[in-house]
Protein backbone atom coordinates (compact mmCIF):
# COMPACT_ATOMS: atom_id res chain seq x y z
CA MET A 1 26.22 10.43 -21.97
CA SER A 2 24.79 8.85 -25.22
CA GLU A 3 21.15 8.41 -25.67
CA ASN A 4 21.47 4.60 -25.75
CA SER A 5 23.28 4.23 -22.44
CA LYS A 6 21.20 3.08 -19.58
CA ARG A 7 21.25 4.79 -16.18
CA LEU A 8 20.43 3.18 -12.85
CA TYR A 9 18.13 5.23 -10.74
CA ARG A 10 15.36 5.04 -8.09
CA SER A 11 12.14 4.82 -10.13
CA ARG A 12 9.11 7.00 -9.20
CA LYS A 13 6.87 4.59 -11.10
CA GLY A 14 5.50 1.62 -9.00
CA GLN A 15 7.64 2.39 -6.00
CA MET A 16 6.67 0.89 -2.60
CA VAL A 17 9.36 2.44 -0.44
CA ALA A 18 12.10 4.34 -2.27
CA GLY A 19 11.96 3.12 -5.74
CA VAL A 20 15.14 0.90 -5.54
CA CYS A 21 13.53 -2.41 -6.67
CA SER A 22 11.51 -0.47 -9.42
CA GLY A 23 14.63 1.11 -10.71
CA LEU A 24 16.58 -2.24 -10.73
CA ALA A 25 13.62 -3.89 -12.54
CA GLU A 26 13.49 -1.15 -15.22
CA TYR A 27 17.39 -1.16 -15.60
CA PHE A 28 17.35 -4.99 -16.16
CA ASN A 29 14.14 -5.10 -17.96
CA VAL A 30 12.49 -7.56 -15.61
CA ASP A 31 9.22 -7.65 -13.45
CA VAL A 32 9.53 -5.51 -10.38
CA THR A 33 7.80 -8.30 -8.38
CA LEU A 34 10.72 -10.78 -9.20
CA VAL A 35 13.22 -8.09 -7.96
CA ARG A 36 11.24 -7.65 -4.72
CA LEU A 37 10.99 -11.32 -4.22
CA ILE A 38 14.64 -11.98 -4.82
CA TRP A 39 15.50 -8.95 -2.53
CA ALA A 40 13.14 -10.34 0.33
CA VAL A 41 14.69 -13.76 0.03
CA VAL A 42 18.30 -12.47 0.11
CA SER A 43 17.28 -10.21 3.17
CA VAL A 44 16.03 -13.27 5.01
CA PHE A 45 18.73 -15.69 4.26
CA THR A 46 21.50 -13.20 4.96
CA LEU A 47 20.02 -11.84 8.29
CA GLY A 48 19.25 -8.42 7.05
CA ILE A 49 22.23 -7.68 4.74
CA GLY A 50 19.62 -7.24 1.94
CA VAL A 51 18.02 -4.43 4.11
CA ALA A 52 21.31 -2.70 4.68
CA ALA A 53 22.02 -2.92 0.86
CA TYR A 54 18.57 -1.39 0.16
CA LEU A 55 19.21 1.37 2.48
CA ALA A 56 22.75 2.03 0.90
CA ALA A 57 20.98 2.08 -2.52
CA TRP A 58 18.46 4.45 -1.45
CA ILE A 59 21.23 6.82 -0.48
CA ILE A 60 23.58 6.16 -3.40
CA LEU A 61 21.17 5.98 -6.36
CA PRO A 62 19.59 9.22 -7.65
CA GLU A 63 15.95 9.51 -8.09
CA GLU A 64 14.38 9.31 -11.52
CA GLY A 65 14.84 12.79 -13.08
CA GLU A 66 17.49 13.93 -10.59
CA ASP A 67 21.15 14.33 -11.36
CA THR A 68 22.39 13.77 -7.91
CA SER A 69 21.85 11.22 -5.12
CA ILE A 70 21.02 11.92 -1.50
CA ALA A 71 24.71 11.15 -0.62
CA GLU A 72 26.08 13.46 -3.41
CA THR A 73 23.72 16.29 -2.07
CA TRP A 74 24.78 15.79 1.37
CA ILE A 75 28.62 15.81 0.41
CA ASN A 76 28.16 18.85 -1.73
CA LYS A 77 26.41 20.72 1.16
CA ARG A 78 29.24 19.69 3.63
CA LYS A 79 31.82 21.03 1.21
CA SER A 80 30.28 24.59 0.99
């Protein structure tokens, strides 16, 4: 991976729950409060789909500084 390429991950800086919104804010270079607000509005108006998407992102996105996500770790353990 080149040095200039961006990587989406769950951020450890400014995280409130799992760092998904913080990671998205860093990736798109926007304020984390804006991302959280949009996520909350989407969750309310879609009757919880935003919450399900957050949980999925928590499982799929690796945490900052990690190479694998929770899902990848679980799959690798099941294979061995």
